[in-house]
Structures are given as C-alpha cells and as structure tokens.
Amino acid sequence: MHDFVNLNDLSTDAIMSLIQNGLAYKSGEATPTAPSKLVANLFFENSTRTQSSFQVAEVKMGWERIMIDPGSSSTQKGESLSDTLKTLGALGVEVAVIRHSLNDWYEPLLAEHSDLMPHLVNAGDGNGQHPSQSLLDLMTIYEEFGHFEGLKVRIIGDLSHSRVARSNAEILKRLGAVVTFSGPENWYPAEFDQFGRYVDIDDGLDQQDVVMFLRVQHERIETVENTGFSAMNYHFNYGLTKERYNQLAPQAIIMHPAPVNRDVEIADELVESDKSRIFEQMRNGVFARMAILNAIGED
C-alpha cells in the first residue's frame, strides 16, 4: 500500500488484513515488521485524538518523527502543499500524515507521480473522508461482534458536515451491515440514500447493534443555525438520553468519534456507561494506525 487516503479504495481483503493486524498488535500476538521511517505530521486543522494517536503509533513503531506547525510553515507565505511535501521528500521524509480542510486534498498530489512526494496518509479531509477513524471504528465493531454481515448500525447526528459519517456509511454497507441514519433532517445529505435510509431516531432503536453518534460541528455550520442552536432541544430530539439508553438491545454498543459534547449528543453519565465503547475506540486508534503505517512502510 503506497498511500492511505480513502478506505473505500482498498479491497475488502486489504481492509480485513488491516483490522486483523491492528487487533494482533493490540493483543500482543504480533508486532509491526516495517523498518523505521522518517515521518512528518502536518495538521492544518485542530486535532487532539487523531494527531496524538498517530504520534503514539509512530513512537510504538520506533519511527523518527518531525513535527511541523502549518501555522508557521511556508504555506503561510504562499507555498503550495505540493511544494511543501516535495521539499520534505527532498530532505528525506518518507511518510507524511496530513489533515487538511480541503476535500480530496490528496488527489492532485497523487496525480503528479513525483518521486519526491512522500507516502501520503489522509488524517481527514474537510467533510470528505476520515479513513483512519473509519478503520478504528471497524476494528472496534469487529472486536465486539466478529463480523459485519447483517449488523444493524445507526449513525445519528450532524451527517452533512461529518467526514466520519461519509467514510463509515459506504464501507459498512459494502461489508454487509444494514445502515440507517437519523438526526436533524436538514443535515441529512440525499447522497446518503445509496448507503441506507433516513429514519426517526426512535424507529427500531431497540433493534440496533451499533448506535453511532456524531459531534455537532459548529465550526462548519452557518452562523444563523449556530445562533438558534439549543443544546437542550438537540439532546431531547436527537441525543442519547437515559430513556433511549434503556431501550437499547442487550448486545448494543454506543460509539462516537469524539470529541463528545456531553449532554448534547450523549448524556454525560452515559459517555462511560457499560455499553459505551468511546474510549475503547480511542485506544484502538493507536493500533489501527500502526497497521496503516506498517502497510505503507512495507511498500
């Protein structure tokens, strides 16, 4: 695997291999085999979990890291992302982990076919894709159930602005899960009809195996919507309340890509409840990203 930019570009066998490798690293049954690489992390958008998770994965693998603050890089002087990356490649950087506000930022870079371009890892592009988050979500689900075929997965919340929703919806359907969506209807993109259907949050909630909530992304929402936003009303209409939690099936798990707005998407006391796998997702993120880096490092 030369680059990791969109999970849906990979074969099902390749995805399952990444999941199984990540779980093997987590259990201690296997260790990464790729030789040490020089990696640069460039996060043009704020991040705690993804950035830290990649850093921990790199440390565990024994890779050498250089940290670059995009706010003080030459991109602020007008240098293109392509030239920044080719400069790093010329200096010896072999892998670049990048989060950027532009959707599909990687496509023109891959089209250059430049020998100076490092291997690219997409750590999130705009509201397009978040492939490493999707992989850790898949790993968490597979660890819990051992399969995807026939699982009922409901994704709830700010669907329109979520790269996690877009990544997960497509791959989960492909792997055989039955996906439904809920949340504010005006935040439901019609293009999601190809992956599942929009339903009322309480419709068949007691039959779901996985209930995945999404953060309300105020930074991507129009000012007028933010001005009129009520956390209390949102939680009552679209959040995981204690009443909804009590309706969930015995085997059901709760997921969220985080950061969680407590008492908005999920009631505060339920974030770390028995059914919650939110912090386990974060833990799995390190091992999923180790699997990604190892696959690239062996190319």
Protein backbone atom coordinates (compact mmCIF):
# COMPACT_ATOMS: atom_id res chain seq x y z
CA MET A 1 0.00 0.00 0.00
CA HIS A 2 1.77 3.12 -1.22
CA ASP A 3 -0.70 5.69 0.18
CA PHE A 4 -3.67 5.60 2.57
CA VAL A 5 -6.18 8.25 1.54
CA ASN A 6 -9.63 6.62 1.24
CA LEU A 7 -10.55 3.35 2.92
CA ASN A 8 -13.09 2.62 0.21
CA ASP A 9 -10.31 2.46 -2.38
CA LEU A 10 -8.98 -0.70 -0.70
CA SER A 11 -10.14 -4.24 -1.36
CA THR A 12 -12.19 -6.00 1.29
CA ASP A 13 -9.29 -8.39 1.87
CA ALA A 14 -6.92 -5.45 2.44
CA ILE A 15 -9.33 -3.85 4.92
CA MET A 16 -9.77 -7.09 6.85
CA SER A 17 -6.00 -7.55 6.93
CA LEU A 18 -5.59 -4.08 8.48
CA ILE A 19 -8.28 -4.85 11.07
CA GLN A 20 -6.75 -8.19 11.98
CA ASN A 21 -3.24 -6.74 12.16
CA GLY A 22 -4.45 -3.94 14.42
CA LEU A 23 -6.12 -6.43 16.77
CA ALA A 24 -2.99 -8.61 16.75
CA TYR A 25 -0.85 -5.61 17.75
CA LYS A 26 -3.34 -4.79 20.50
CA SER A 27 -3.29 -8.32 21.92
CA GLY A 28 0.48 -8.60 21.65
CA GLU A 29 0.23 -11.56 19.28
CA ALA A 30 2.17 -9.66 16.58
CA THR A 31 4.40 -6.62 16.18
CA PRO A 32 4.89 -4.34 13.17
CA THR A 33 7.52 -5.55 10.73
CA ALA A 34 8.15 -2.43 8.63
CA PRO A 35 11.59 -0.82 9.01
CA SER A 36 11.81 2.57 10.73
CA LYS A 37 10.75 5.54 8.61
CA LEU A 38 11.10 9.31 8.87
CA VAL A 39 7.56 10.68 9.15
CA ALA A 40 6.16 14.22 9.20
CA ASN A 41 2.80 15.08 10.76
CA LEU A 42 1.09 18.12 9.23
CA PHE A 43 -2.25 19.06 10.79
CA PHE A 44 -3.78 22.11 9.12
CA GLU A 45 -6.90 21.67 11.30
CA ASN A 46 -7.11 21.27 15.07
CA SER A 47 -6.88 17.73 16.38
CA THR A 48 -6.28 16.00 19.70
CA ARG A 49 -7.20 12.35 19.20
CA THR A 50 -6.05 11.77 15.63
CA GLN A 51 -2.80 13.70 15.88
CA SER A 52 -1.85 12.21 19.25
CA SER A 53 -2.89 8.73 18.14
CA PHE A 54 -0.65 8.86 15.07
CA GLN A 55 2.21 10.14 17.22
CA VAL A 56 1.81 7.31 19.73
CA ALA A 57 1.61 4.77 16.89
CA GLU A 58 4.81 6.17 15.40
CA VAL A 59 6.59 6.02 18.77
CA LYS A 60 5.48 2.43 19.35
CA MET A 61 6.83 1.51 15.90
CA GLY A 62 10.16 3.19 16.54
CA TRP A 63 9.73 5.67 13.69
CA GLU A 64 11.57 9.01 13.69
CA ARG A 65 9.20 11.97 13.67
CA ILE A 66 9.44 15.62 12.75
CA MET A 67 6.64 17.89 13.88
CA ILE A 68 5.61 20.76 11.62
CA ASP A 69 3.28 23.57 12.66
CA PRO A 70 1.42 24.56 9.48
CA GLY A 71 0.72 27.93 11.08
CA SER A 72 4.41 28.78 10.95
CA SER A 73 5.31 26.87 7.78
CA SER A 74 5.99 28.29 4.32
CA THR A 75 2.40 27.58 3.33
CA GLN A 76 1.68 30.85 5.14
CA LYS A 77 3.98 32.54 2.60
CA GLY A 78 2.04 31.10 -0.33
CA GLU A 79 3.93 27.86 -0.86
CA SER A 80 1.70 25.13 -2.27
CA LEU A 81 1.06 21.94 -0.35
CA SER A 82 2.72 20.08 -3.22
CA ASP A 83 5.94 22.08 -2.91
CA THR A 84 5.93 21.74 0.88
CA LEU A 85 5.69 17.96 0.60
CA LYS A 86 8.27 17.69 -2.16
CA THR A 87 10.61 19.80 -0.05
CA LEU A 88 10.13 17.40 2.84
CA GLY A 89 10.68 14.48 0.48
CA ALA A 90 13.92 16.03 -0.74
CA LEU A 91 15.03 16.32 2.90
CA GLY A 92 14.41 12.62 3.47
CA VAL A 93 10.86 12.48 4.84
CA GLU A 94 9.34 9.19 3.71
CA VAL A 95 5.76 9.42 5.05
CA ALA A 96 3.50 12.47 5.54
CA VAL A 97 0.39 12.28 7.74
CA ILE A 98 -1.88 15.18 6.79
CA ARG A 99 -5.16 16.69 7.96
CA HIS A 100 -6.47 19.47 5.73
CA SER A 101 -9.67 21.48 5.40
CA LEU A 102 -9.87 20.84 1.65
CA ASN A 103 -11.87 17.85 0.47
CA ASP A 104 -9.76 15.41 -1.56
CA TRP A 105 -6.56 17.41 -0.95
CA TYR A 106 -4.56 14.34 -1.93
CA GLU A 107 -5.91 13.82 -5.46
CA PRO A 108 -3.78 16.43 -7.30
CA LEU A 109 -0.72 15.30 -5.33
CA LEU A 110 -1.14 11.67 -6.34
CA ALA A 111 -1.70 12.75 -9.94
CA GLU A 112 1.77 14.32 -10.03
CA HIS A 113 3.50 10.93 -9.73
CA SER A 114 6.51 12.74 -8.28
CA ASP A 115 9.40 10.70 -6.91
CA LEU A 116 9.90 13.43 -4.31
CA MET A 117 6.41 13.02 -2.87
CA PRO A 118 6.37 11.10 0.44
CA HIS A 119 3.84 8.34 1.05
CA LEU A 120 0.58 10.13 1.92
CA VAL A 121 -1.70 9.29 4.85
CA ASN A 122 -5.05 11.10 5.00
CA ALA A 123 -5.81 12.11 8.60
CA GLY A 124 -9.03 13.81 7.48
CA ASP A 125 -10.02 15.98 4.52
CA GLY A 126 -12.67 18.66 5.01
CA ASN A 127 -16.02 16.94 5.33
CA GLY A 128 -14.94 14.25 2.87
CA GLN A 129 -13.12 11.24 4.31
CA HIS A 130 -11.55 10.18 7.61
CA PRO A 131 -10.16 6.74 6.69
CA SER A 132 -8.12 6.04 9.83
CA GLN A 133 -11.15 6.85 12.01
CA SER A 134 -13.24 4.51 9.87
CA LEU A 135 -10.66 1.77 10.29
CA LEU A 136 -10.60 2.08 14.08
CA ASP A 137 -14.40 2.11 14.10
CA LEU A 138 -14.45 -1.07 12.01
CA MET A 139 -11.85 -2.61 14.31
CA THR A 140 -13.99 -1.77 17.36
CA ILE A 141 -17.12 -3.27 15.80
CA TYR A 142 -15.28 -6.39 14.60
CA GLU A 143 -13.67 -6.86 18.02
CA GLU A 144 -17.15 -6.79 19.57
CA PHE A 145 -19.12 -8.92 17.10
CA GLY A 146 -16.57 -10.81 14.98
CA HIS A 147 -18.36 -9.93 11.72
CA PHE A 148 -20.17 -7.15 9.84
CA GLU A 149 -22.70 -9.06 7.76
CA GLY A 150 -26.24 -8.28 8.91
CA LEU A 151 -25.27 -5.97 11.77
CA LYS A 152 -27.69 -3.09 12.23
CA VAL A 153 -25.83 0.19 12.51
CA ARG A 154 -27.47 3.56 13.07
CA ILE A 155 -25.47 6.76 12.54
CA ILE A 156 -27.04 9.77 14.26
CA GLY A 157 -26.35 13.48 14.23
CA ASP A 158 -24.62 16.05 12.05
CA LEU A 159 -24.40 13.90 8.94
CA SER A 160 -23.98 16.75 6.49
CA HIS A 161 -20.70 18.01 7.92
CA SER A 162 -19.19 14.72 9.10
CA ARG A 163 -16.33 13.03 7.24
CA VAL A 164 -16.72 10.11 9.67
CA ALA A 165 -20.30 9.53 8.53
CA ARG A 166 -19.31 9.57 4.86
CA SER A 167 -16.41 7.17 5.37
CA ASN A 168 -18.30 4.76 7.61
CA ALA A 169 -21.58 4.65 5.73
CA GLU A 170 -20.02 3.50 2.48
CA ILE A 171 -17.66 0.91 3.92
CA LEU A 172 -20.18 -0.54 6.38
CA LYS A 173 -22.72 -1.12 3.63
CA ARG A 174 -20.03 -2.74 1.50
CA LEU A 175 -19.13 -5.09 4.36
CA GLY A 176 -22.76 -6.19 4.72
CA ALA A 177 -24.09 -4.06 7.57
CA VAL A 178 -27.61 -2.61 7.43
CA VAL A 179 -27.11 1.14 7.88
CA THR A 180 -29.74 3.70 8.86
CA PHE A 181 -29.35 7.40 9.56
CA SER A 182 -31.01 9.84 11.91
CA GLY A 183 -30.61 13.38 13.22
CA PRO A 184 -31.85 16.77 12.03
CA GLU A 185 -33.45 16.14 8.65
CA ASN A 186 -31.93 19.30 7.16
CA TRP A 187 -28.50 17.83 7.96
CA TYR A 188 -29.20 14.66 6.00
CA PRO A 189 -27.45 14.60 2.59
CA ALA A 190 -29.57 12.99 -0.14
CA GLU A 191 -26.46 11.22 -1.43
CA PHE A 192 -26.57 9.03 1.69
CA ASP A 193 -29.62 7.27 0.24
CA GLN A 194 -27.21 4.98 -1.61
CA PHE A 195 -25.89 3.66 1.72
CA GLY A 196 -29.05 3.39 3.80
CA ARG A 197 -32.21 5.26 4.70
CA TYR A 198 -33.13 8.15 6.97
CA VAL A 199 -35.40 7.27 9.90
CA ASP A 200 -36.72 8.80 13.10
CA ILE A 201 -34.19 8.26 15.88
CA ASP A 202 -36.62 6.13 17.92
CA ASP A 203 -37.72 3.97 14.99
CA GLY A 204 -36.36 0.48 15.73
CA LEU A 205 -33.75 1.83 18.13
CA ASP A 206 -34.16 -1.30 20.26
CA GLN A 207 -33.07 -3.47 17.31
CA GLN A 208 -29.72 -1.79 16.62
CA ASP A 209 -26.38 -3.48 17.26
CA VAL A 210 -24.31 -0.30 16.91
CA VAL A 211 -25.54 3.21 17.67
CA MET A 212 -23.01 5.77 16.49
CA PHE A 213 -23.43 9.42 17.45
CA LEU A 214 -21.69 12.32 15.70
CA ARG A 215 -20.48 15.64 17.07
CA VAL A 216 -22.40 18.76 16.12
CA GLN A 217 -19.75 20.56 14.07
CA HIS A 218 -20.45 24.18 14.92
CA GLU A 219 -17.32 25.30 13.06
CA ARG A 220 -18.83 24.09 9.76
CA ILE A 221 -22.42 25.24 10.37
CA GLU A 222 -23.89 28.51 9.11
CA THR A 223 -23.94 31.34 11.65
CA VAL A 224 -27.73 31.55 11.64
CA GLU A 225 -28.00 27.87 12.63
CA ASN A 226 -25.44 28.28 15.40
CA THR A 227 -27.25 31.34 16.71
CA GLY A 228 -30.50 29.43 17.02
CA PHE A 229 -28.94 26.20 18.30
CA SER A 230 -30.27 24.85 21.60
CA ALA A 231 -28.21 22.11 23.23
CA MET A 232 -31.17 21.08 25.37
CA ASN A 233 -33.54 20.74 22.41
CA TYR A 234 -30.96 18.90 20.33
CA HIS A 235 -30.30 16.42 23.13
CA PHE A 236 -34.03 15.79 23.64
CA ASN A 237 -34.70 15.27 19.92
CA TYR A 238 -31.51 13.60 18.65
CA GLY A 239 -29.30 12.71 21.59
CA LEU A 240 -28.76 9.59 23.67
CA THR A 241 -30.92 10.25 26.71
CA LYS A 242 -31.28 7.86 29.64
CA GLU A 243 -34.65 6.81 28.24
CA ARG A 244 -33.17 5.91 24.86
CA TYR A 245 -30.26 4.12 26.51
CA ASN A 246 -32.70 1.91 28.40
CA GLN A 247 -34.35 0.93 25.09
CA LEU A 248 -31.13 -0.42 23.56
CA ALA A 249 -30.75 -4.14 22.88
CA PRO A 250 -28.59 -6.12 25.33
CA GLN A 251 -25.78 -6.55 22.78
CA ALA A 252 -25.86 -2.96 21.53
CA ILE A 253 -22.78 -0.74 21.76
CA ILE A 254 -22.50 3.05 21.69
CA MET A 255 -19.86 4.76 19.57
CA HIS A 256 -18.75 8.34 18.93
CA PRO A 257 -15.67 9.60 17.03
CA ALA A 258 -15.17 12.29 19.71
CA PRO A 259 -14.74 14.90 20.96
CA VAL A 260 -18.11 14.37 22.63
CA ASN A 261 -20.32 17.29 23.55
CA ARG A 262 -21.65 15.86 26.80
CA ASP A 263 -25.38 16.38 27.35
CA VAL A 264 -25.74 17.25 23.66
CA GLU A 265 -25.08 14.12 21.60
CA ILE A 266 -24.86 11.84 24.65
CA ALA A 267 -25.97 12.34 28.24
CA ASP A 268 -22.98 12.99 30.48
CA GLU A 269 -23.48 9.87 32.61
CA LEU A 270 -23.71 7.64 29.52
CA VAL A 271 -20.41 8.58 27.87
CA GLU A 272 -18.63 5.97 30.01
CA SER A 273 -21.56 3.60 30.51
CA ASP A 274 -21.36 -0.20 30.15
CA LYS A 275 -22.48 -0.08 26.52
CA SER A 276 -20.14 2.74 25.57
CA ARG A 277 -17.05 1.93 23.52
CA ILE A 278 -15.97 5.54 23.03
CA PHE A 279 -12.68 5.37 24.92
CA GLU A 280 -12.04 1.88 23.57
CA GLN A 281 -12.31 3.41 20.08
CA MET A 282 -9.56 5.84 21.06
CA ARG A 283 -7.40 3.01 22.35
CA ASN A 284 -7.99 1.02 19.18
CA GLY A 285 -7.00 4.06 17.14
CA VAL A 286 -3.34 3.63 18.05
CA PHE A 287 -3.26 0.01 16.86
CA ALA A 288 -5.31 0.72 13.73
CA ARG A 289 -2.86 3.47 12.79
CA MET A 290 0.08 1.19 13.49
CA ALA A 291 -1.46 -1.24 10.99
CA ILE A 292 -1.81 1.57 8.41
CA LEU A 293 1.77 2.78 8.87
CA ASN A 294 3.14 -0.75 8.79
CA ALA A 295 1.37 -1.46 5.49
CA ILE A 296 2.82 1.72 3.98
CA GLY A 297 6.25 1.10 5.48
CA GLU A 298 6.46 -2.30 3.85
CA ASP A 299 5.70 -0.90 0.37
